[in-house]
Amino acid sequence: MKAEDVEVVRGSGNVFRDMGHADPDVEQLKAIFAAEIIKMLDRKKLTVRAAHAQTGIAAADFSRIRNADLGRFTLDRLVSIINRLGSRIEVHVNLRDLETFTEALASIG
């Protein structure tokens, strides 16, 4: 394959949107929360069983999070897990109307 055969496409900043998922913003936020949970477990050197003992949340749930199997989790469940691990979430929200957002994406690509 030659270099000129490669098409470069700029992403939207949300891989789930780029892949055509139904709820890309929710999936992106779930992935961010899961990554933070994994960082906390790693920072505290907690196994899934030790995390269960500390929080009362099933070890299997921590295994699912580590494996990015987030289908069973709601955003509020992930927030609850983060809280039980001793952290709090601070959220900043930016809203854009869909037309402006779509135009911005089109200008990038």
N, C-alpha and C. Protein backbone atom coordinates (compact mmCIF):
# COMPACT_ATOMS: atom_id res chain seq x y z
N MET A 1 0.83 -1.17 0.00
CA MET A 1 0.00 0.00 0.00
C MET A 1 0.89 1.24 0.00
N LYS A 2 0.61 2.13 -0.89
CA LYS A 2 1.38 3.37 -0.98
C LYS A 2 0.77 4.42 -0.07
N ALA A 3 1.59 5.37 0.34
CA ALA A 3 1.13 6.43 1.24
C ALA A 3 -0.03 7.21 0.64
N GLU A 4 -0.03 7.41 -0.67
CA GLU A 4 -1.12 8.18 -1.27
C GLU A 4 -2.44 7.40 -1.34
N ASP A 5 -2.41 6.09 -1.05
CA ASP A 5 -3.63 5.28 -1.02
C ASP A 5 -4.38 5.41 0.30
N VAL A 6 -3.75 6.01 1.30
CA VAL A 6 -4.34 6.11 2.62
C VAL A 6 -5.20 7.38 2.71
N GLU A 7 -6.43 7.19 3.13
CA GLU A 7 -7.32 8.34 3.33
C GLU A 7 -7.32 8.68 4.81
N VAL A 8 -7.05 9.92 5.13
CA VAL A 8 -7.07 10.38 6.51
C VAL A 8 -8.40 11.06 6.77
N VAL A 9 -9.06 10.60 7.81
CA VAL A 9 -10.35 11.17 8.18
C VAL A 9 -10.24 11.69 9.60
N ARG A 10 -10.59 12.95 9.80
CA ARG A 10 -10.54 13.53 11.14
C ARG A 10 -11.79 13.11 11.90
N GLY A 11 -11.61 12.66 13.12
CA GLY A 11 -12.73 12.21 13.94
C GLY A 11 -13.44 13.37 14.61
N SER A 12 -14.57 13.05 15.19
CA SER A 12 -15.39 14.06 15.86
C SER A 12 -14.94 14.32 17.29
N GLY A 13 -14.06 13.47 17.82
CA GLY A 13 -13.68 13.55 19.22
C GLY A 13 -14.44 12.54 20.05
N ASN A 14 -15.38 11.84 19.43
CA ASN A 14 -16.14 10.80 20.11
C ASN A 14 -16.16 9.58 19.19
N VAL A 15 -15.37 8.59 19.54
CA VAL A 15 -15.24 7.40 18.69
C VAL A 15 -16.56 6.68 18.52
N PHE A 16 -17.43 6.75 19.52
CA PHE A 16 -18.72 6.08 19.43
C PHE A 16 -19.61 6.76 18.38
N ARG A 17 -19.50 8.08 18.28
CA ARG A 17 -20.24 8.81 17.24
C ARG A 17 -19.66 8.45 15.87
N ASP A 18 -18.35 8.43 15.78
CA ASP A 18 -17.70 8.12 14.51
C ASP A 18 -18.04 6.72 14.02
N MET A 19 -18.30 5.79 14.95
CA MET A 19 -18.62 4.42 14.59
C MET A 19 -20.12 4.21 14.40
N GLY A 20 -20.92 5.26 14.58
CA GLY A 20 -22.35 5.19 14.32
C GLY A 20 -23.18 4.56 15.42
N HIS A 21 -22.70 4.58 16.66
CA HIS A 21 -23.47 4.02 17.77
C HIS A 21 -24.71 4.86 18.05
N ALA A 22 -25.73 4.23 18.63
CA ALA A 22 -27.02 4.89 18.85
C ALA A 22 -26.94 6.02 19.89
N ASP A 23 -26.23 5.81 20.99
CA ASP A 23 -26.12 6.82 22.05
C ASP A 23 -24.65 7.14 22.31
N PRO A 24 -24.00 7.81 21.38
CA PRO A 24 -22.55 8.00 21.50
C PRO A 24 -22.12 8.84 22.69
N ASP A 25 -22.91 9.84 23.07
CA ASP A 25 -22.51 10.69 24.19
C ASP A 25 -22.55 9.93 25.50
N VAL A 26 -23.58 9.10 25.68
CA VAL A 26 -23.69 8.28 26.89
C VAL A 26 -22.55 7.27 26.93
N GLU A 27 -22.27 6.63 25.81
CA GLU A 27 -21.19 5.64 25.77
C GLU A 27 -19.84 6.27 26.05
N GLN A 28 -19.63 7.47 25.53
CA GLN A 28 -18.36 8.19 25.78
C GLN A 28 -18.21 8.48 27.27
N LEU A 29 -19.28 8.97 27.89
CA LEU A 29 -19.22 9.29 29.31
C LEU A 29 -19.02 8.03 30.16
N LYS A 30 -19.68 6.94 29.80
CA LYS A 30 -19.46 5.67 30.50
C LYS A 30 -17.99 5.25 30.40
N ALA A 31 -17.42 5.38 29.22
CA ALA A 31 -16.02 4.99 29.02
C ALA A 31 -15.09 5.87 29.86
N ILE A 32 -15.38 7.15 29.94
CA ILE A 32 -14.56 8.06 30.76
C ILE A 32 -14.66 7.68 32.22
N PHE A 33 -15.88 7.43 32.71
CA PHE A 33 -16.05 7.04 34.11
C PHE A 33 -15.36 5.70 34.39
N ALA A 34 -15.50 4.73 33.50
CA ALA A 34 -14.86 3.43 33.68
C ALA A 34 -13.34 3.59 33.73
N ALA A 35 -12.79 4.43 32.87
CA ALA A 35 -11.33 4.65 32.87
C ALA A 35 -10.89 5.24 34.20
N GLU A 36 -11.70 6.13 34.76
CA GLU A 36 -11.36 6.71 36.07
C GLU A 36 -11.43 5.67 37.17
N ILE A 37 -12.41 4.79 37.10
CA ILE A 37 -12.50 3.70 38.09
C ILE A 37 -11.28 2.81 38.00
N ILE A 38 -10.87 2.47 36.79
CA ILE A 38 -9.68 1.63 36.61
C ILE A 38 -8.44 2.32 37.16
N LYS A 39 -8.31 3.63 36.91
CA LYS A 39 -7.18 4.39 37.46
C LYS A 39 -7.16 4.35 38.98
N MET A 40 -8.36 4.49 39.59
CA MET A 40 -8.43 4.44 41.06
C MET A 40 -8.02 3.08 41.59
N LEU A 41 -8.51 2.02 40.95
CA LEU A 41 -8.14 0.67 41.37
C LEU A 41 -6.64 0.46 41.25
N ASP A 42 -6.06 0.92 40.14
CA ASP A 42 -4.62 0.76 39.94
C ASP A 42 -3.82 1.60 40.94
N ARG A 43 -4.26 2.84 41.16
CA ARG A 43 -3.55 3.73 42.08
C ARG A 43 -3.57 3.16 43.51
N LYS A 44 -4.69 2.57 43.90
CA LYS A 44 -4.82 2.00 45.23
C LYS A 44 -4.34 0.55 45.30
N LYS A 45 -3.91 0.02 44.14
CA LYS A 45 -3.45 -1.36 44.03
C LYS A 45 -4.51 -2.34 44.54
N LEU A 46 -5.76 -2.11 44.13
CA LEU A 46 -6.87 -2.97 44.55
C LEU A 46 -7.17 -4.03 43.50
N THR A 47 -7.26 -5.26 43.94
CA THR A 47 -7.78 -6.32 43.07
C THR A 47 -9.30 -6.16 43.03
N VAL A 48 -9.95 -6.89 42.15
CA VAL A 48 -11.41 -6.79 42.10
C VAL A 48 -12.02 -7.30 43.41
N ARG A 49 -11.41 -8.28 44.02
CA ARG A 49 -11.92 -8.80 45.30
C ARG A 49 -11.70 -7.80 46.43
N ALA A 50 -10.55 -7.14 46.43
CA ALA A 50 -10.29 -6.12 47.45
C ALA A 50 -11.23 -4.92 47.25
N ALA A 51 -11.50 -4.58 46.01
CA ALA A 51 -12.44 -3.49 45.73
C ALA A 51 -13.84 -3.87 46.21
N HIS A 52 -14.22 -5.12 46.02
CA HIS A 52 -15.50 -5.61 46.52
C HIS A 52 -15.56 -5.49 48.03
N ALA A 53 -14.51 -5.92 48.73
CA ALA A 53 -14.47 -5.86 50.18
C ALA A 53 -14.57 -4.42 50.68
N GLN A 54 -13.97 -3.50 49.97
CA GLN A 54 -13.96 -2.08 50.37
C GLN A 54 -15.29 -1.40 50.10
N THR A 55 -15.96 -1.77 49.00
CA THR A 55 -17.13 -1.02 48.55
C THR A 55 -18.45 -1.76 48.68
N GLY A 56 -18.39 -3.09 48.75
CA GLY A 56 -19.61 -3.88 48.74
C GLY A 56 -20.16 -4.12 47.35
N ILE A 57 -19.49 -3.62 46.34
CA ILE A 57 -19.90 -3.82 44.94
C ILE A 57 -19.27 -5.13 44.46
N ALA A 58 -20.04 -5.91 43.73
CA ALA A 58 -19.59 -7.24 43.30
C ALA A 58 -18.26 -7.18 42.56
N ALA A 59 -17.40 -8.13 42.87
CA ALA A 59 -16.11 -8.24 42.18
C ALA A 59 -16.32 -8.40 40.68
N ALA A 60 -17.39 -9.10 40.30
CA ALA A 60 -17.68 -9.30 38.88
C ALA A 60 -17.94 -7.96 38.17
N ASP A 61 -18.53 -7.00 38.89
CA ASP A 61 -18.76 -5.68 38.29
C ASP A 61 -17.43 -4.98 38.01
N PHE A 62 -16.49 -5.11 38.94
CA PHE A 62 -15.17 -4.51 38.71
C PHE A 62 -14.46 -5.20 37.55
N SER A 63 -14.63 -6.50 37.43
CA SER A 63 -14.05 -7.23 36.29
C SER A 63 -14.66 -6.74 34.98
N ARG A 64 -15.97 -6.54 34.96
CA ARG A 64 -16.63 -6.03 33.74
C ARG A 64 -16.08 -4.65 33.37
N ILE A 65 -15.91 -3.81 34.37
CA ILE A 65 -15.37 -2.47 34.11
C ILE A 65 -13.96 -2.58 33.55
N ARG A 66 -13.13 -3.40 34.16
CA ARG A 66 -11.75 -3.56 33.65
C ARG A 66 -11.73 -4.09 32.22
N ASN A 67 -12.73 -4.88 31.85
CA ASN A 67 -12.80 -5.45 30.49
C ASN A 67 -13.61 -4.58 29.53
N ALA A 68 -13.98 -3.38 29.97
CA ALA A 68 -14.76 -2.43 29.15
C ALA A 68 -16.09 -3.04 28.69
N ASP A 69 -16.65 -3.91 29.51
CA ASP A 69 -17.97 -4.49 29.26
C ASP A 69 -18.98 -3.65 30.04
N LEU A 70 -19.37 -2.52 29.45
CA LEU A 70 -20.13 -1.51 30.18
C LEU A 70 -21.63 -1.55 29.90
N GLY A 71 -22.08 -2.52 29.14
CA GLY A 71 -23.49 -2.59 28.76
C GLY A 71 -24.45 -2.67 29.93
N ARG A 72 -24.05 -3.29 31.01
CA ARG A 72 -24.93 -3.45 32.18
C ARG A 72 -24.95 -2.23 33.09
N PHE A 73 -24.08 -1.27 32.83
CA PHE A 73 -23.93 -0.15 33.74
C PHE A 73 -24.67 1.09 33.24
N THR A 74 -25.33 1.75 34.16
CA THR A 74 -25.89 3.07 33.87
C THR A 74 -24.88 4.09 34.35
N LEU A 75 -25.07 5.33 33.92
CA LEU A 75 -24.17 6.39 34.37
C LEU A 75 -24.24 6.56 35.89
N ASP A 76 -25.45 6.49 36.44
CA ASP A 76 -25.56 6.68 37.89
C ASP A 76 -24.91 5.54 38.66
N ARG A 77 -24.91 4.34 38.11
CA ARG A 77 -24.24 3.20 38.76
C ARG A 77 -22.73 3.42 38.77
N LEU A 78 -22.18 3.90 37.68
CA LEU A 78 -20.74 4.18 37.63
C LEU A 78 -20.37 5.31 38.58
N VAL A 79 -21.23 6.33 38.68
CA VAL A 79 -20.99 7.42 39.64
C VAL A 79 -21.01 6.87 41.06
N SER A 80 -21.94 5.98 41.36
CA SER A 80 -22.01 5.37 42.69
C SER A 80 -20.73 4.60 43.01
N ILE A 81 -20.21 3.88 42.05
CA ILE A 81 -18.97 3.12 42.25
C ILE A 81 -17.82 4.08 42.53
N ILE A 82 -17.73 5.15 41.77
CA ILE A 82 -16.67 6.15 41.99
C ILE A 82 -16.79 6.73 43.40
N ASN A 83 -18.01 7.05 43.82
CA ASN A 83 -18.22 7.59 45.17
C ASN A 83 -17.80 6.60 46.24
N ARG A 84 -18.15 5.34 46.06
CA ARG A 84 -17.79 4.32 47.06
C ARG A 84 -16.29 4.09 47.11
N LEU A 85 -15.59 4.39 46.03
CA LEU A 85 -14.13 4.27 46.03
C LEU A 85 -13.47 5.50 46.65
N GLY A 86 -14.29 6.47 47.06
CA GLY A 86 -13.76 7.62 47.80
C GLY A 86 -13.48 8.85 46.97
N SER A 87 -14.03 8.95 45.78
CA SER A 87 -13.84 10.14 44.96
C SER A 87 -15.19 10.76 44.63
N ARG A 88 -15.17 11.97 44.14
CA ARG A 88 -16.37 12.67 43.71
C ARG A 88 -16.16 13.16 42.29
N ILE A 89 -17.25 13.33 41.58
CA ILE A 89 -17.21 13.77 40.18
C ILE A 89 -17.62 15.22 40.09
N GLU A 90 -16.87 15.97 39.32
CA GLU A 90 -17.22 17.35 39.01
C GLU A 90 -17.45 17.41 37.51
N VAL A 91 -18.61 17.89 37.10
CA VAL A 91 -18.99 17.89 35.69
C VAL A 91 -19.14 19.32 35.18
N HIS A 92 -18.58 19.59 34.01
CA HIS A 92 -18.77 20.85 33.30
C HIS A 92 -19.44 20.50 31.99
N VAL A 93 -20.53 21.15 31.68
CA VAL A 93 -21.31 20.81 30.50
C VAL A 93 -21.27 21.93 29.49
N ASN A 94 -21.02 21.57 28.23
CA ASN A 94 -21.10 22.50 27.12
C ASN A 94 -22.16 21.98 26.16
N LEU A 95 -23.15 22.80 25.89
CA LEU A 95 -24.21 22.40 24.97
C LEU A 95 -24.04 23.13 23.65
N ARG A 96 -24.23 22.39 22.57
CA ARG A 96 -24.21 22.98 21.22
C ARG A 96 -25.43 22.47 20.50
N ASP A 97 -26.06 23.34 19.73
CA ASP A 97 -27.20 22.84 18.96
C ASP A 97 -26.66 21.94 17.86
N LEU A 98 -27.46 20.98 17.45
CA LEU A 98 -27.04 19.94 16.52
C LEU A 98 -26.58 20.51 15.19
N GLU A 99 -27.26 21.52 14.69
CA GLU A 99 -26.90 22.11 13.39
C GLU A 99 -25.50 22.71 13.41
N THR A 100 -25.19 23.48 14.47
CA THR A 100 -23.87 24.08 14.59
C THR A 100 -22.81 23.01 14.74
N PHE A 101 -23.10 21.97 15.53
CA PHE A 101 -22.16 20.89 15.75
C PHE A 101 -21.89 20.15 14.43
N THR A 102 -22.93 19.85 13.67
CA THR A 102 -22.80 19.16 12.40
C THR A 102 -21.99 19.98 11.40
N GLU A 103 -22.22 21.26 11.36
CA GLU A 103 -21.47 22.15 10.47
C GLU A 103 -19.99 22.16 10.85
N ALA A 104 -19.71 22.21 12.15
CA ALA A 104 -18.32 22.21 12.60
C ALA A 104 -17.62 20.91 12.21
N LEU A 105 -18.31 19.79 12.35
CA LEU A 105 -17.72 18.50 11.94
C LEU A 105 -17.47 18.47 10.44
N ALA A 106 -18.39 18.98 9.66
CA ALA A 106 -18.24 18.97 8.20
C ALA A 106 -17.05 19.81 7.78
N SER A 107 -16.81 20.91 8.46
CA SER A 107 -15.69 21.79 8.09
C SER A 107 -14.35 21.15 8.41
N ILE A 108 -14.32 20.26 9.40
CA ILE A 108 -13.07 19.57 9.77
C ILE A 108 -12.73 18.49 8.76
N GLY A 109 -13.74 17.71 8.36
CA GLY A 109 -13.53 16.54 7.52
C GLY A 109 -13.26 16.91 6.12
